Protein backbone atom coordinates (compact mmCIF):
# COMPACT_ATOMS: atom_id res chain seq x y z
CA MET A 1 -24.71 -165.94 65.83
CA THR A 2 -26.41 -162.68 64.99
CA ALA A 3 -24.84 -159.92 62.93
CA PHE A 4 -24.37 -156.24 63.64
CA LEU A 5 -22.66 -153.43 61.78
CA PRO A 6 -18.96 -153.05 62.61
CA PRO A 7 -17.36 -149.71 63.39
CA PRO A 8 -16.22 -147.75 60.31
CA ARG A 9 -13.23 -149.43 58.69
CA PRO A 10 -11.61 -149.29 55.26
CA GLY A 11 -13.82 -151.22 52.89
CA ALA A 12 -12.66 -154.65 51.75
CA GLY A 13 -13.40 -155.33 48.10
CA LEU A 14 -12.55 -158.99 47.52
CA LEU A 15 -13.61 -160.38 50.92
CA PRO A 16 -15.90 -157.99 52.82
CA VAL A 17 -15.98 -158.78 56.55
CA GLN A 18 -19.09 -159.09 58.71
CA VAL A 19 -18.92 -158.80 62.50
CA LEU A 20 -21.02 -161.36 64.39
CA SER A 21 -22.19 -161.50 68.00
CA ARG A 22 -23.40 -164.38 70.18
CA ARG A 23 -24.02 -165.33 73.81
CA GLU A 24 -22.22 -168.48 74.95
CA GLY A 25 -21.88 -169.68 78.52
CA GLY A 26 -23.19 -166.36 79.77
CA GLU A 27 -20.44 -164.47 77.90
CA GLN A 28 -20.74 -162.08 74.97
CA LEU A 29 -18.45 -163.28 72.20
CA TYR A 30 -17.82 -162.09 68.66
CA GLY A 31 -16.73 -163.38 65.28
CA LEU A 32 -15.59 -162.19 61.87
CA LEU A 33 -17.18 -163.79 58.82
CA TRP A 34 -16.05 -163.50 55.21
CA ARG A 35 -18.36 -164.90 52.52
CA ALA A 36 -16.11 -165.79 49.61
CA GLY A 37 -18.61 -167.37 47.27
CA PRO A 38 -17.40 -169.44 44.32
CA GLY A 39 -14.17 -168.84 42.44
CA LEU A 40 -11.75 -168.64 45.37
CA ARG A 41 -9.46 -171.33 46.68
CA MET A 42 -7.58 -171.13 49.92
CA ILE A 43 -4.63 -172.50 51.82
CA SER A 44 -4.94 -172.55 55.58
CA SER A 45 -3.54 -174.02 58.76
CA ALA A 46 -6.98 -173.73 60.38
CA VAL A 47 -8.50 -176.46 62.54
CA LEU A 48 -11.55 -176.48 60.23
CA GLY A 49 -11.10 -176.46 56.44
CA GLY A 50 -7.30 -176.45 56.53
CA GLY A 51 -5.13 -177.49 53.58
CA ILE A 52 -5.67 -176.34 49.99
CA GLY A 53 -9.02 -176.26 48.22
CA GLU A 54 -12.00 -174.18 47.19
CA ARG A 55 -13.76 -172.63 50.16
CA ARG A 56 -16.87 -170.46 50.35
CA TRP A 57 -16.38 -168.70 53.68
CA ILE A 58 -13.95 -167.95 56.50
CA LEU A 59 -14.96 -167.62 60.16
CA ASN A 60 -12.64 -166.22 62.83
CA ALA A 61 -14.53 -166.92 66.07
CA GLN A 62 -13.75 -165.58 69.52
CA VAL A 63 -13.96 -168.16 72.32
CA SER A 64 -13.65 -167.80 76.07
CA HIS A 65 -10.22 -167.71 77.71
CA GLY A 66 -11.10 -170.94 79.53
CA TYR A 67 -11.95 -172.77 76.29
CA ARG A 68 -11.80 -176.52 76.91
CA ARG A 69 -13.73 -178.07 74.03
CA THR A 70 -11.95 -180.93 72.30
CA ASP A 71 -14.00 -180.60 69.10
CA PRO A 72 -13.26 -177.06 67.85
CA ASP A 73 -13.87 -178.11 64.24
CA ARG A 74 -17.44 -179.16 65.05
CA HIS A 75 -17.96 -176.06 67.18
CA LEU A 76 -16.80 -173.78 64.35
CA ALA A 77 -18.96 -175.60 61.79
CA THR A 78 -22.01 -175.07 64.01
CA LEU A 79 -21.23 -171.37 64.49
CA ALA A 80 -20.80 -170.90 60.73
CA HIS A 81 -24.06 -172.70 59.97
CA ASP A 82 -25.90 -170.58 62.55
CA ALA A 83 -24.52 -167.47 60.80
CA GLY A 84 -25.86 -168.65 57.43
CA ALA A 85 -22.53 -169.78 55.97
CA HIS A 86 -22.92 -173.00 54.01
CA GLY A 87 -20.66 -175.32 52.05
CA ASN A 88 -16.96 -175.84 52.67
CA GLY A 89 -15.24 -173.12 54.69
CA VAL A 90 -12.33 -172.26 56.95
CA GLY A 91 -12.76 -171.88 60.72
CA LEU A 92 -10.29 -170.15 63.05
CA ILE A 93 -10.53 -169.60 66.80
CA THR A 94 -9.00 -167.07 69.18
CA ALA A 95 -9.55 -165.75 72.69
CA ALA A 96 -8.86 -162.21 71.44
CA ASP A 97 -11.68 -159.71 70.91
CA VAL A 98 -11.94 -159.92 67.13
CA ARG A 99 -13.66 -156.53 66.93
CA ALA A 100 -10.20 -154.99 67.40
CA TYR A 101 -9.00 -156.42 64.10
CA GLY A 102 -6.33 -154.75 62.02
CA TYR A 103 -6.92 -154.23 58.30
CA ALA A 104 -4.62 -153.18 55.47
CA ARG A 105 -4.68 -153.13 51.69
CA ASP A 106 -1.74 -152.93 49.31
CA GLY A 107 -1.99 -153.11 45.52
CA GLY A 108 -5.23 -155.12 45.59
CA VAL A 109 -4.12 -157.48 48.38
CA GLU A 110 -6.24 -157.32 51.53
CA ALA A 111 -5.10 -158.51 54.96
CA THR A 112 -6.96 -158.75 58.25
CA ALA A 113 -5.37 -159.76 61.55
CA THR A 114 -6.64 -160.40 65.06
CA ALA A 115 -4.17 -160.67 67.90
CA GLY A 116 -4.08 -162.12 71.38
CA LEU A 117 -0.59 -162.07 72.84
CA GLY A 118 -1.14 -163.41 76.34
CA VAL A 119 0.90 -166.54 75.54
CA ARG A 120 3.77 -165.66 73.23
CA GLY A 121 7.35 -166.67 72.56
CA TRP A 122 9.82 -167.84 69.95
CA ALA A 123 9.10 -170.71 67.57
CA ALA A 124 12.44 -172.45 68.29
CA ALA A 125 12.24 -172.85 72.07
CA PRO A 126 14.08 -175.28 74.38
CA ALA A 127 12.58 -178.76 74.51
CA GLU A 128 10.15 -179.24 77.38
CA ALA A 129 7.08 -181.24 78.30
CA PRO A 130 4.01 -180.23 76.27
CA ALA A 131 1.63 -177.96 78.15
CA ALA A 132 -1.94 -176.88 77.53
CA VAL A 133 -1.98 -173.61 75.58
CA ALA A 134 -4.72 -171.00 75.82
CA PRO A 135 -6.05 -169.93 72.40
CA GLY A 136 -4.67 -166.36 72.50
CA THR A 137 -3.58 -166.55 68.90
CA ILE A 138 -2.69 -164.26 66.01
CA ASN A 139 -5.00 -165.12 63.13
CA ILE A 140 -4.26 -163.71 59.67
CA VAL A 141 -6.62 -163.73 56.68
CA VAL A 142 -5.34 -162.54 53.29
CA ALA A 143 -7.12 -162.22 49.95
CA LEU A 144 -5.40 -161.79 46.58
CA PRO A 145 -7.21 -160.84 43.35
CA VAL A 146 -5.08 -163.24 41.26
CA ALA A 147 -4.62 -166.98 40.89
CA LEU A 148 -1.61 -168.73 42.44
CA THR A 149 -0.11 -172.16 41.85
CA ASP A 150 -0.08 -174.62 44.75
CA SER A 151 3.59 -173.89 45.42
CA ALA A 152 2.93 -170.14 45.35
CA LEU A 153 0.15 -170.60 47.90
CA VAL A 154 2.63 -172.35 50.20
CA ASN A 155 5.11 -169.55 49.51
CA ALA A 156 2.41 -167.01 50.43
CA VAL A 157 1.98 -168.61 53.86
CA ALA A 158 5.72 -168.32 54.48
CA THR A 159 5.71 -164.68 53.33
CA ALA A 160 2.76 -163.83 55.58
CA THR A 161 4.50 -165.47 58.53
CA GLU A 162 7.71 -163.54 57.90
CA ALA A 163 5.73 -160.28 57.72
CA LYS A 164 3.93 -161.14 60.97
CA VAL A 165 7.21 -161.64 62.82
CA GLN A 166 8.58 -158.38 61.38
CA ALA A 167 5.45 -156.55 62.57
CA LEU A 168 5.79 -158.00 66.08
CA LEU A 169 9.43 -156.95 66.33
CA ASP A 170 8.64 -153.50 64.94
CA GLY A 171 5.89 -153.23 67.56
CA GLY A 172 8.35 -153.93 70.38
CA TYR A 173 7.36 -157.55 71.04
CA ASP A 174 10.24 -159.95 71.70
CA CYS A 175 8.62 -162.98 70.10
CA SER A 176 7.78 -164.68 66.81
CA GLY A 177 4.13 -165.21 67.70
CA THR A 178 1.99 -167.49 69.85
CA PRO A 179 1.87 -171.33 69.86
CA THR A 180 -1.55 -171.33 68.20
CA ASP A 181 -1.20 -168.78 65.38
CA ALA A 182 -3.10 -169.57 62.19
CA VAL A 183 -3.24 -168.20 58.66
CA CYS A 184 -5.60 -168.36 55.70
CA ILE A 185 -4.67 -167.17 52.20
CA ALA A 186 -7.41 -166.82 49.58
CA ALA A 187 -6.66 -166.46 45.86
CA ARG A 188 -8.59 -166.77 42.63
CA THR A 189 -9.23 -170.25 41.32
CA PRO A 190 -7.08 -170.80 38.20
CA ALA A 191 -9.14 -170.60 35.03
CA PRO A 192 -8.39 -171.09 31.32
CA ASP A 193 -6.74 -168.12 29.59
CA THR A 194 -5.89 -166.37 32.88
CA ASP A 195 -2.49 -165.77 34.43
CA VAL A 196 -1.53 -168.11 37.27
CA HIS A 197 1.33 -166.72 39.33
CA ALA A 198 4.08 -169.13 40.35
CA PHE A 199 5.79 -166.98 42.99
CA ALA A 200 4.65 -165.32 46.21
CA GLY A 201 7.93 -164.69 48.00
CA PRO A 202 8.55 -161.27 49.54
CA ARG A 203 10.40 -159.95 46.46
CA SER A 204 7.80 -161.13 43.93
CA LEU A 205 5.10 -158.70 42.79
CA TRP A 206 2.20 -160.23 44.71
CA GLY A 207 4.30 -161.54 47.58
CA ALA A 208 5.66 -158.06 48.27
CA ARG A 209 2.15 -156.64 48.33
CA LEU A 210 1.01 -159.44 50.60
CA ALA A 211 3.93 -158.86 52.96
CA ARG A 212 3.25 -155.13 53.27
CA ALA A 213 -0.48 -155.67 53.83
CA VAL A 214 0.09 -158.33 56.50
CA HIS A 215 2.74 -156.21 58.22
CA GLN A 216 0.37 -153.23 58.43
CA ALA A 217 -2.59 -155.35 59.56
CA VAL A 218 -0.65 -157.09 62.32
CA ARG A 219 0.86 -153.81 63.51
CA ALA A 220 -2.66 -152.37 63.75
CA ALA A 221 -3.96 -155.44 65.59
CA VAL A 222 -1.19 -155.52 68.22
CA ARG A 223 -1.04 -151.77 68.79
CA PRO A 224 -1.81 -151.08 72.51
């Protein structure tokens, strides 16, 4: 991947974003790369680097609508390496044009969202035979300037998901998301003599800020 300057956007302090470009299969595709460096740990549902742990970068890579690779984790790791991102990281994929990302900041919390809504619906749907799903995907990346406990990180994922659904409904979409939505929450690594926050629900201090930032970012990303 090669990098180019993105269009003017509000600056991100904790996790600045870099827009990447590459040619793949004769198609021009793009990516968003955040270089976290040391001192941040993340919780993610991503196919690469998911779970909880310290991570040094996040890549949200656009893939073609006909994506058929069965090794997306290896594909994402290669793309990150080619972009100069090394060490453990988080890799997300989407068929959406990531250059149209939505960004919001609230009380020091930063949220970025990319949205592809070609395949959308409600999470609790009638039982049916599994079908192949195109990677349309709403991907959400959030950064907090404070440390969270493990349980608060899990709580933050739930809060971000609630805010995403609220943003979709407010935007006129009759759905809770797509079957392949993913999220990544980054927070400071707990250190001696620093506050570690135990709550990230929507009525907690940092959870409320996270919810508002995610809501604004998703609304911006899904706006026609």
